[in-house]
Amino acid sequence: MTTPTYLDGLLAPVVDEITAENLQVSGTIPAELRGRYFRNGPNPKPGEDPGHWFVGPGMIHGIRLRDGKAEWYRNRWVRTAQLAGRPFVGPDGPDLTAVSANTNVIRHADKIFALVENGFPHEITPELFTVGAYDFKGRLTTAMTAHPKEDPDTGELHFFGYGFWAPYLTYHRLNAQGDLVESREIDVPGPTMMHDFAITEHYVIWLDLPMVFDLESAGKGMAYQWSDAYGARLGVMSKQTKQVQWFDVDPCYVFHVGNAHEDEGRVVLDAVRYSPNQMKATWARIGGSPNPANETDGTTLHRWTLDLASGGIKEEQLDDRHVEFPSMNELHLGRPSQYLYAVTGNAIVKYDTVTGRTNARELGRAPGEAEFVPRMDARFEDDGWLMSIVTDHDGTSSDLMIFEAAGLDWVAKIHLPRRVPSGFHGNWLADS
């Protein structure tokens, strides 16, 4: 019997939870890096086959750094109702606590949340113990995206939830203190799988793209499939009036946004774009099926420029590398920024989105998302570090690697006591 792609190789799950202390370090960990690096991803329990990479139960891998030392590594499953065996769909409909919590981990208003887009966030402690599902004092009644955006000026957290039936899309806003202060339905024509979105100073940008809920696929892994009939469009919503201006775009899919900003009456969005063929092939591969389409095109950094006055749109490919997991200095989120970082199969790539120059750090190993951490006294946008869990392609070992963001020079390597399966998103949670 052939092992599915999502249970093999770099994606193969680990079988247990461990704790290790006083990790071996090569190079020098910058002294001001005092905090925890957490990385989330699917990790089915031994003997279980979830049917798709995206739906395995979440496991967070954590590394504690302080005073130039790597004090500990630990990995823990997020204790959700799904992990305990409760089905997502029950007699009363979806159970938003019975989810995987496997996609991202963030901190807002001193609470740490493990996130997945089809249910409630799950609060965890700095030591990776699960507190439980969190619905913001009963005010949240939809799922919560795994990619909320914190406005660097206001401290507000913008997010959304999408669902299988109307309302298909709901916008939410937390204040800086963590209170849910706004929820509003957004009109879209169907149950699209909206994985990410973007914000600017004055707008929210929606990605209404043709991955759509498919009832026949329900219960067989992921219940979303490509739809040639659905269409593709971007929406620019005023934060003040909540009016949405829609722009039709060439058919595509976007898992991850890099950044967006305003430019003299235009909104500029940079993201990793999947062509229709690439999306169909990728979806089949990570679902464990043979690729039905040519996978040689797609997954490139792309730019959409949306003219709010004329309704015109410009689309352009910014690079021909196949990349994913774009990241940035989030102090510039939603504002004009110069640098984006992304990963390929063997390298971390730095994009200068102003000059068009790129720089790639070849690793000969598989990097995970490169998280940007600014210096406390940073003078420039790229004055800081990148953190990435890097794994040998044969899956034998993993390290947390730290690079200077300016030139991608290697700074330190924390040798982890076990390999870490390729996963999704991480965050640096500084002690301060």
Protein backbone atom coordinates (compact mmCIF):
# COMPACT_ATOMS: atom_id res chain seq x y z
CA MET A 1 0.00 0.00 0.00
CA THR A 2 1.42 3.39 -1.00
CA THR A 3 1.85 5.91 1.81
CA PRO A 4 -0.03 9.15 1.05
CA THR A 5 2.14 12.18 0.28
CA TYR A 6 0.95 13.97 3.43
CA LEU A 7 2.18 11.11 5.66
CA ASP A 8 5.56 10.59 4.00
CA GLY A 9 8.94 12.26 3.61
CA LEU A 10 9.20 15.81 4.91
CA LEU A 11 5.50 15.72 5.88
CA ALA A 12 5.67 12.49 7.88
CA PRO A 13 4.31 13.11 11.40
CA VAL A 14 6.25 12.51 14.60
CA VAL A 15 4.78 9.95 16.96
CA ASP A 16 5.03 11.59 20.39
CA GLU A 17 5.63 14.69 22.48
CA ILE A 18 9.05 15.32 24.00
CA THR A 19 10.90 17.98 25.99
CA ALA A 20 14.62 18.65 25.70
CA GLU A 21 16.71 21.23 27.55
CA ASN A 22 20.01 23.06 26.94
CA LEU A 23 20.04 22.60 23.17
CA GLN A 24 23.29 22.55 21.23
CA VAL A 25 23.99 25.78 19.35
CA SER A 26 26.37 26.55 16.49
CA GLY A 27 27.18 30.21 15.98
CA THR A 28 25.90 32.88 18.36
CA ILE A 29 22.30 33.58 19.27
CA PRO A 30 21.80 37.37 19.45
CA ALA A 31 21.45 38.32 23.12
CA GLU A 32 18.32 40.41 22.59
CA LEU A 33 16.39 37.42 21.25
CA ARG A 34 14.57 36.62 24.47
CA GLY A 35 11.35 34.76 23.82
CA ARG A 36 9.80 31.76 22.15
CA TYR A 37 9.64 30.63 18.54
CA PHE A 38 6.47 28.60 17.92
CA ARG A 39 5.70 26.74 14.68
CA ASN A 40 2.36 25.05 13.95
CA GLY A 41 1.48 22.30 11.51
CA PRO A 42 -0.58 19.12 10.96
CA ASN A 43 0.58 16.01 12.81
CA PRO A 44 -1.80 13.02 12.74
CA LYS A 45 -1.62 10.64 15.67
CA PRO A 46 0.09 7.27 15.03
CA GLY A 47 -1.99 5.03 12.78
CA GLU A 48 -4.40 7.78 11.72
CA ASP A 49 -4.97 8.96 8.14
CA PRO A 50 -6.85 12.28 8.00
CA GLY A 51 -7.29 12.10 4.20
CA HIS A 52 -5.54 15.39 3.40
CA TRP A 53 -2.48 17.28 4.66
CA PHE A 54 -4.57 20.28 5.72
CA VAL A 55 -6.82 18.46 8.20
CA GLY A 56 -4.42 16.59 10.51
CA PRO A 57 -4.47 17.65 14.18
CA GLY A 58 -2.24 20.58 15.01
CA MET A 59 1.10 20.21 16.77
CA ILE A 60 3.16 23.19 17.90
CA HIS A 61 6.95 22.96 18.08
CA GLY A 62 8.48 25.49 20.46
CA ILE A 63 12.01 26.70 21.16
CA ARG A 64 12.82 28.95 24.12
CA LEU A 65 15.70 31.43 23.64
CA ARG A 66 17.16 33.57 26.43
CA ASP A 67 20.53 35.20 27.14
CA GLY A 68 22.17 33.68 24.07
CA LYS A 69 21.05 30.15 24.96
CA ALA A 70 18.43 27.74 23.64
CA GLU A 71 16.88 26.68 26.92
CA TRP A 72 14.37 24.14 25.66
CA TYR A 73 12.53 22.49 22.82
CA ARG A 74 9.11 20.93 23.24
CA ASN A 75 6.33 19.78 20.94
CA ARG A 76 2.69 19.43 21.93
CA TRP A 77 -0.54 18.58 20.17
CA VAL A 78 -3.20 21.26 20.56
CA ARG A 79 -5.85 19.62 22.74
CA THR A 80 -8.98 20.32 20.72
CA ALA A 81 -12.29 18.46 20.72
CA GLN A 82 -11.21 16.97 17.37
CA LEU A 83 -8.08 15.48 18.94
CA ALA A 84 -10.34 13.91 21.57
CA GLY A 85 -12.38 12.27 18.81
CA ARG A 86 -15.39 14.56 18.43
CA PRO A 87 -16.54 14.97 14.79
CA PHE A 88 -16.62 18.42 13.21
CA VAL A 89 -20.17 18.00 11.94
CA GLY A 90 -22.70 16.79 14.50
CA PRO A 91 -26.51 16.68 14.68
CA ASP A 92 -26.64 20.45 15.29
CA GLY A 93 -24.22 21.37 12.50
CA PRO A 94 -20.50 22.25 12.62
CA ASP A 95 -18.81 22.18 16.03
CA LEU A 96 -16.35 25.07 15.91
CA THR A 97 -14.36 23.58 18.80
CA ALA A 98 -13.85 20.22 17.01
CA VAL A 99 -11.11 21.47 14.69
CA SER A 100 -7.43 20.82 14.13
CA ALA A 101 -5.96 24.20 15.25
CA ASN A 102 -3.07 23.30 12.95
CA THR A 103 -2.20 26.35 10.85
CA ASN A 104 -0.82 29.34 12.74
CA VAL A 105 0.04 30.60 16.20
CA ILE A 106 -0.26 34.28 17.16
CA ARG A 107 -0.33 36.50 20.23
CA HIS A 108 -2.79 39.35 20.70
CA ALA A 109 -3.59 41.25 23.91
CA ASP A 110 -1.40 38.83 25.92
CA LYS A 111 -3.26 35.73 24.76
CA ILE A 112 -1.62 33.11 22.55
CA PHE A 113 -3.86 31.40 20.00
CA ALA A 114 -3.46 28.33 17.81
CA LEU A 115 -5.51 28.95 14.67
CA VAL A 116 -7.20 27.09 11.84
CA GLU A 117 -9.70 28.70 9.50
CA ASN A 118 -12.73 26.43 10.02
CA GLY A 119 -13.26 26.97 13.75
CA PHE A 120 -12.59 28.88 16.95
CA PRO A 121 -9.07 29.80 18.01
CA HIS A 122 -7.59 27.74 20.82
CA GLU A 123 -5.75 29.51 23.62
CA ILE A 124 -2.42 28.00 24.65
CA THR A 125 0.12 28.88 27.34
CA PRO A 126 3.77 29.91 26.81
CA GLU A 127 4.66 26.30 27.74
CA LEU A 128 2.31 24.93 25.02
CA PHE A 129 -0.43 23.65 27.30
CA THR A 130 -3.91 24.01 25.78
CA VAL A 131 -6.32 26.23 27.73
CA GLY A 132 -9.21 25.59 25.34
CA ALA A 133 -11.37 27.01 22.57
CA TYR A 134 -11.92 30.77 22.80
CA ASP A 135 -14.93 32.67 21.45
CA PHE A 136 -14.23 36.17 22.81
CA LYS A 137 -16.83 36.00 25.60
CA GLY A 138 -19.44 34.48 23.31
CA ARG A 139 -19.28 37.24 20.70
CA LEU A 140 -17.61 35.13 17.99
CA THR A 141 -20.13 32.89 16.26
CA THR A 142 -18.20 32.08 13.06
CA ALA A 143 -14.87 30.47 12.36
CA MET A 144 -11.72 32.61 12.55
CA THR A 145 -9.15 32.83 9.79
CA ALA A 146 -5.65 31.53 10.48
CA HIS A 147 -4.26 34.77 9.02
CA PRO A 148 -5.53 37.73 11.07
CA LYS A 149 -3.80 41.08 10.53
CA GLU A 150 -2.75 43.38 13.38
CA ASP A 151 -2.67 47.04 12.38
CA PRO A 152 0.74 48.38 13.44
CA ASP A 153 -0.68 51.82 14.27
CA THR A 154 -3.92 51.03 16.09
CA GLY A 155 -3.12 47.59 17.52
CA GLU A 156 -6.49 46.34 16.24
CA LEU A 157 -6.71 42.78 14.95
CA HIS A 158 -8.69 42.41 11.71
CA PHE A 159 -9.91 38.95 10.75
CA PHE A 160 -12.78 37.06 9.13
CA GLY A 161 -14.60 33.77 9.07
CA TYR A 162 -15.94 31.87 6.06
CA GLY A 163 -18.48 29.09 6.01
CA PHE A 164 -20.23 26.39 4.00
CA TRP A 165 -23.52 28.32 3.80
CA ALA A 166 -24.67 31.94 4.05
CA PRO A 167 -23.33 34.16 5.39
CA TYR A 168 -20.34 32.89 3.44
CA LEU A 169 -18.00 35.63 4.69
CA THR A 170 -18.02 37.65 7.93
CA TYR A 171 -15.58 40.42 8.84
CA HIS A 172 -14.48 40.83 12.49
CA ARG A 173 -12.37 43.34 14.40
CA LEU A 174 -10.76 43.09 17.83
CA ASN A 175 -9.57 46.20 19.64
CA ALA A 176 -6.04 46.38 21.02
CA GLN A 177 -7.30 45.00 24.34
CA GLY A 178 -8.63 41.84 22.69
CA ASP A 179 -12.37 42.63 22.75
CA LEU A 180 -14.47 41.71 19.72
CA VAL A 181 -15.97 45.09 18.82
CA GLU A 182 -17.28 44.57 15.28
CA SER A 183 -18.73 41.77 13.15
CA ARG A 184 -20.23 42.37 9.72
CA GLU A 185 -21.41 40.12 6.89
CA ILE A 186 -19.71 40.61 3.50
CA ASP A 187 -21.66 39.65 0.39
CA VAL A 188 -19.95 37.04 -1.81
CA PRO A 189 -21.74 34.72 -4.26
CA GLY A 190 -20.77 31.38 -2.76
CA PRO A 191 -18.81 29.32 -0.22
CA THR A 192 -15.29 30.15 -1.32
CA MET A 193 -12.21 28.95 0.59
CA MET A 194 -10.67 32.28 1.58
CA HIS A 195 -7.39 31.38 3.26
CA ASP A 196 -5.83 34.84 3.54
CA PHE A 197 -6.59 38.52 3.00
CA ALA A 198 -4.82 41.87 3.36
CA ILE A 199 -5.24 45.24 5.00
CA THR A 200 -3.93 48.73 4.36
CA GLU A 201 -4.28 51.88 6.44
CA HIS A 202 -7.83 52.52 5.19
CA TYR A 203 -8.93 49.31 3.45
CA VAL A 204 -9.45 45.57 3.77
CA ILE A 205 -8.69 43.49 0.64
CA TRP A 206 -10.77 40.36 0.04
CA LEU A 207 -9.73 37.40 -2.15
CA ASP A 208 -12.89 35.90 -3.67
CA LEU A 209 -11.32 33.08 -5.68
CA PRO A 210 -12.52 29.82 -7.27
CA MET A 211 -11.81 27.20 -4.59
CA VAL A 212 -15.39 26.44 -3.57
CA PHE A 213 -17.17 24.10 -1.13
CA ASP A 214 -18.12 20.86 -2.85
CA LEU A 215 -20.68 18.71 -1.05
CA GLU A 216 -19.57 15.53 -2.84
CA SER A 217 -16.06 15.97 -1.38
CA ALA A 218 -17.30 16.45 2.19
CA GLY A 219 -15.99 13.76 4.50
CA LYS A 220 -13.20 12.80 2.08
CA GLY A 221 -10.40 15.02 3.36
CA MET A 222 -10.97 18.58 2.14
CA ALA A 223 -14.44 19.63 1.02
CA TYR A 224 -13.21 22.34 -1.38
CA GLN A 225 -12.44 21.96 -5.08
CA TRP A 226 -11.49 24.22 -8.00
CA SER A 227 -14.49 25.68 -9.85
CA ASP A 228 -14.02 27.00 -13.39
CA ALA A 229 -17.47 28.59 -13.17
CA TYR A 230 -17.01 30.59 -9.98
CA GLY A 231 -14.78 33.39 -11.29
CA ALA A 232 -12.04 35.34 -9.54
CA ARG A 233 -12.07 38.81 -8.07
CA LEU A 234 -10.46 41.06 -5.46
CA GLY A 235 -12.50 43.32 -3.22
CA VAL A 236 -11.37 46.58 -1.62
CA MET A 237 -13.47 47.40 1.44
CA SER A 238 -13.36 50.77 3.18
CA LYS A 239 -12.69 50.28 6.90
CA GLN A 240 -14.87 53.33 7.55
CA THR A 241 -17.95 52.71 5.36
CA LYS A 242 -17.58 48.95 4.82
CA GLN A 243 -18.47 49.44 1.13
CA VAL A 244 -16.67 46.97 -1.16
CA GLN A 245 -15.39 47.73 -4.67
CA TRP A 246 -14.80 44.53 -6.65
CA PHE A 247 -12.19 43.94 -9.38
CA ASP A 248 -12.31 40.92 -11.70
CA VAL A 249 -8.91 39.23 -12.10
CA ASP A 250 -7.53 36.38 -14.17
CA PRO A 251 -8.51 33.00 -12.63
CA CYS A 252 -6.03 31.98 -9.94
CA TYR A 253 -5.71 31.10 -6.27
CA VAL A 254 -3.79 32.72 -3.43
CA PHE A 255 -2.93 30.93 -0.22
CA HIS A 256 -0.69 33.66 1.16
CA VAL A 257 -0.43 37.42 0.89
CA GLY A 258 2.88 39.25 1.16
CA ASN A 259 1.72 42.83 1.81
CA ALA A 260 -0.58 45.55 0.50
CA HIS A 261 -0.41 49.35 0.55
CA GLU A 262 -2.07 52.47 -0.79
CA ASP A 263 -0.48 54.54 -3.56
CA GLU A 264 -2.20 57.76 -4.66
CA GLY A 265 -5.69 56.36 -5.16
CA ARG A 266 -4.53 52.84 -5.93
CA VAL A 267 -4.21 49.73 -3.79
CA VAL A 268 -1.18 47.54 -4.48
CA LEU A 269 -1.28 43.87 -3.43
CA ASP A 270 1.69 41.47 -3.53
CA ALA A 271 0.97 37.77 -3.03
CA VAL A 272 1.96 34.28 -4.20
CA ARG A 273 -0.30 33.41 -7.14
CA TYR A 274 -1.25 29.88 -8.25
CA SER A 275 -2.33 29.46 -11.86
CA PRO A 276 -5.42 27.22 -12.37
CA ASN A 277 -3.27 24.28 -13.51
CA GLN A 278 -0.84 24.71 -10.64
CA MET A 279 -3.61 24.89 -8.09
CA LYS A 280 -5.34 21.76 -9.38
CA ALA A 281 -2.05 19.86 -9.37
CA THR A 282 -1.01 21.09 -5.94
CA TRP A 283 -4.41 20.29 -4.46
CA ALA A 284 -4.25 16.74 -5.79
CA ARG A 285 -0.68 16.19 -4.61
CA ILE A 286 -1.17 17.35 -1.03
CA GLY A 287 -4.38 15.34 -0.93
CA GLY A 288 -2.48 12.19 -1.81
CA SER A 289 -3.82 11.81 -5.37
CA PRO A 290 -1.96 11.67 -8.69
CA ASN A 291 -1.43 15.09 -10.25
CA PRO A 292 -4.14 15.71 -12.87
CA ALA A 293 -2.46 18.74 -14.41
CA ASN A 294 0.85 20.22 -15.44
CA GLU A 295 2.66 21.54 -12.35
CA THR A 296 5.37 23.47 -14.15
CA ASP A 297 3.69 26.86 -14.01
CA GLY A 298 2.47 28.95 -11.10
CA THR A 299 3.31 29.76 -7.43
CA THR A 300 5.11 32.98 -8.29
CA LEU A 301 5.21 36.34 -6.58
CA HIS A 302 2.56 38.47 -8.25
CA ARG A 303 1.33 42.06 -8.03
CA TRP A 304 -2.15 43.46 -8.54
CA THR A 305 -2.56 47.26 -8.77
CA LEU A 306 -6.18 48.30 -8.27
CA ASP A 307 -7.21 51.80 -9.37
CA LEU A 308 -10.09 52.84 -7.14
CA ALA A 309 -11.12 55.79 -9.30
CA SER A 310 -11.20 54.14 -12.70
CA GLY A 311 -11.91 50.56 -11.65
CA GLY A 312 -8.92 49.46 -13.70
CA ILE A 313 -6.51 46.72 -12.71
CA LYS A 314 -2.95 45.83 -13.61
CA GLU A 315 -1.54 42.33 -13.06
CA GLU A 316 2.15 41.49 -13.23
CA GLN A 317 4.45 38.63 -12.29
CA LEU A 318 7.36 39.87 -10.19
CA ASP A 319 9.61 36.80 -10.38
CA ASP A 320 9.73 33.37 -12.02
CA ARG A 321 10.83 31.39 -8.94
CA HIS A 322 8.33 28.95 -7.46
CA VAL A 323 7.96 30.31 -3.92
CA GLU A 324 5.59 30.16 -0.99
CA PHE A 325 5.12 31.47 2.56
CA PRO A 326 5.83 35.18 1.96
CA SER A 327 6.72 37.10 5.11
CA MET A 328 7.76 40.63 6.02
CA ASN A 329 8.55 43.10 8.78
CA GLU A 330 5.05 43.39 10.21
CA LEU A 331 5.76 46.82 11.63
CA HIS A 332 5.17 47.84 7.97
CA LEU A 333 2.06 45.71 7.45
CA GLY A 334 -0.47 47.50 5.27
CA ARG A 335 1.95 50.33 4.55
CA PRO A 336 4.51 50.90 1.80
CA SER A 337 7.33 48.40 2.37
CA GLN A 338 10.44 47.43 0.47
CA TYR A 339 11.21 43.84 1.42
CA LEU A 340 9.46 40.50 1.27
CA TYR A 341 10.91 37.09 2.13
CA ALA A 342 9.77 33.72 0.76
CA VAL A 343 11.01 30.14 0.57
CA THR A 344 11.65 27.60 -2.18
CA GLY A 345 12.57 23.93 -1.91
CA ASN A 346 16.19 24.75 -1.01
CA ALA A 347 16.48 28.47 -0.34
CA ILE A 348 15.24 31.59 1.38
CA VAL A 349 14.60 34.41 -1.10
CA LYS A 350 14.61 38.13 -0.31
CA TYR A 351 12.68 40.45 -2.63
CA ASP A 352 13.32 44.17 -2.96
CA THR A 353 9.88 45.14 -4.24
CA VAL A 354 11.03 48.70 -5.00
CA THR A 355 14.11 48.00 -7.13
CA GLY A 356 13.12 44.50 -8.31
CA ARG A 357 16.38 42.97 -7.04
CA THR A 358 16.38 39.56 -5.37
CA ASN A 359 18.82 37.69 -3.17
CA ALA A 360 18.64 33.95 -2.44
CA ARG A 361 20.33 32.05 0.37
CA GLU A 362 20.83 28.50 -0.89
CA LEU A 363 20.67 25.98 1.96
CA GLY A 364 20.69 22.54 0.33
CA ARG A 365 17.92 21.73 2.82
CA ALA A 366 14.21 22.45 3.05
CA PRO A 367 13.41 25.73 4.83
CA GLY A 368 10.13 26.51 6.52
CA GLU A 369 8.55 29.95 6.56
CA ALA A 370 11.14 32.61 7.39
CA GLU A 371 9.79 34.71 10.26
CA PHE A 372 11.14 38.28 10.44
CA VAL A 373 12.15 39.58 13.89
CA PRO A 374 13.12 43.29 14.06
CA ARG A 375 15.93 44.59 16.22
CA MET A 376 14.72 46.65 19.14
CA ASP A 377 16.69 49.70 17.92
CA ALA A 378 16.16 48.99 14.21
CA ARG A 379 17.02 51.87 11.87
CA PHE A 380 15.97 50.20 8.61
CA GLU A 381 13.11 47.97 7.48
CA ASP A 382 15.38 44.93 7.11
CA ASP A 383 17.34 45.55 10.32
CA GLY A 384 16.66 42.30 12.12
CA TRP A 385 16.74 38.54 11.73
CA LEU A 386 14.94 35.72 9.95
CA MET A 387 14.06 32.52 11.80
CA SER A 388 13.28 29.31 9.95
CA ILE A 389 13.10 25.62 10.87
CA VAL A 390 15.27 23.93 8.25
CA THR A 391 15.15 20.18 7.62
CA ASP A 392 17.27 17.71 5.66
CA HIS A 393 15.43 16.50 2.58
CA ASP A 394 15.67 12.91 3.80
CA GLY A 395 13.96 14.00 7.01
CA THR A 396 16.75 12.95 9.32
CA SER A 397 17.26 16.19 11.28
CA SER A 398 16.00 19.74 11.76
CA ASP A 399 17.49 22.96 13.08
CA LEU A 400 16.11 26.36 13.96
CA MET A 401 18.31 28.69 11.91
CA ILE A 402 18.76 32.43 12.41
CA PHE A 403 19.90 34.70 9.56
CA GLU A 404 20.64 38.39 9.29
CA ALA A 405 17.74 39.72 7.26
CA ALA A 406 19.80 42.38 5.48
CA GLY A 407 22.19 40.03 3.66
CA LEU A 408 20.76 36.58 4.56
CA ASP A 409 24.02 35.75 6.34
CA TRP A 410 23.90 32.82 8.73
CA VAL A 411 24.03 33.79 12.43
CA ALA A 412 23.13 30.75 14.52
CA LYS A 413 21.86 27.21 14.27
CA ILE A 414 19.94 25.61 17.14
CA HIS A 415 20.19 21.85 16.78
CA LEU A 416 16.78 20.37 17.54
CA PRO A 417 16.52 17.01 19.30
CA ARG A 418 14.24 15.58 16.60
CA ARG A 419 13.22 16.32 13.04
CA VAL A 420 10.26 18.66 12.62
CA PRO A 421 7.77 17.78 9.86
CA SER A 422 7.20 20.46 7.25
CA GLY A 423 4.31 22.54 8.50
CA PHE A 424 2.69 25.89 8.09
CA HIS A 425 3.26 29.09 10.07
CA GLY A 426 5.26 30.25 13.04
CA ASN A 427 5.76 33.33 15.14
CA TRP A 428 8.38 34.83 17.39
CA LEU A 429 6.84 35.79 20.72
CA ALA A 430 9.26 38.12 22.46
CA ASP A 431 9.29 38.23 26.26
CA SER A 432 8.59 41.95 26.15
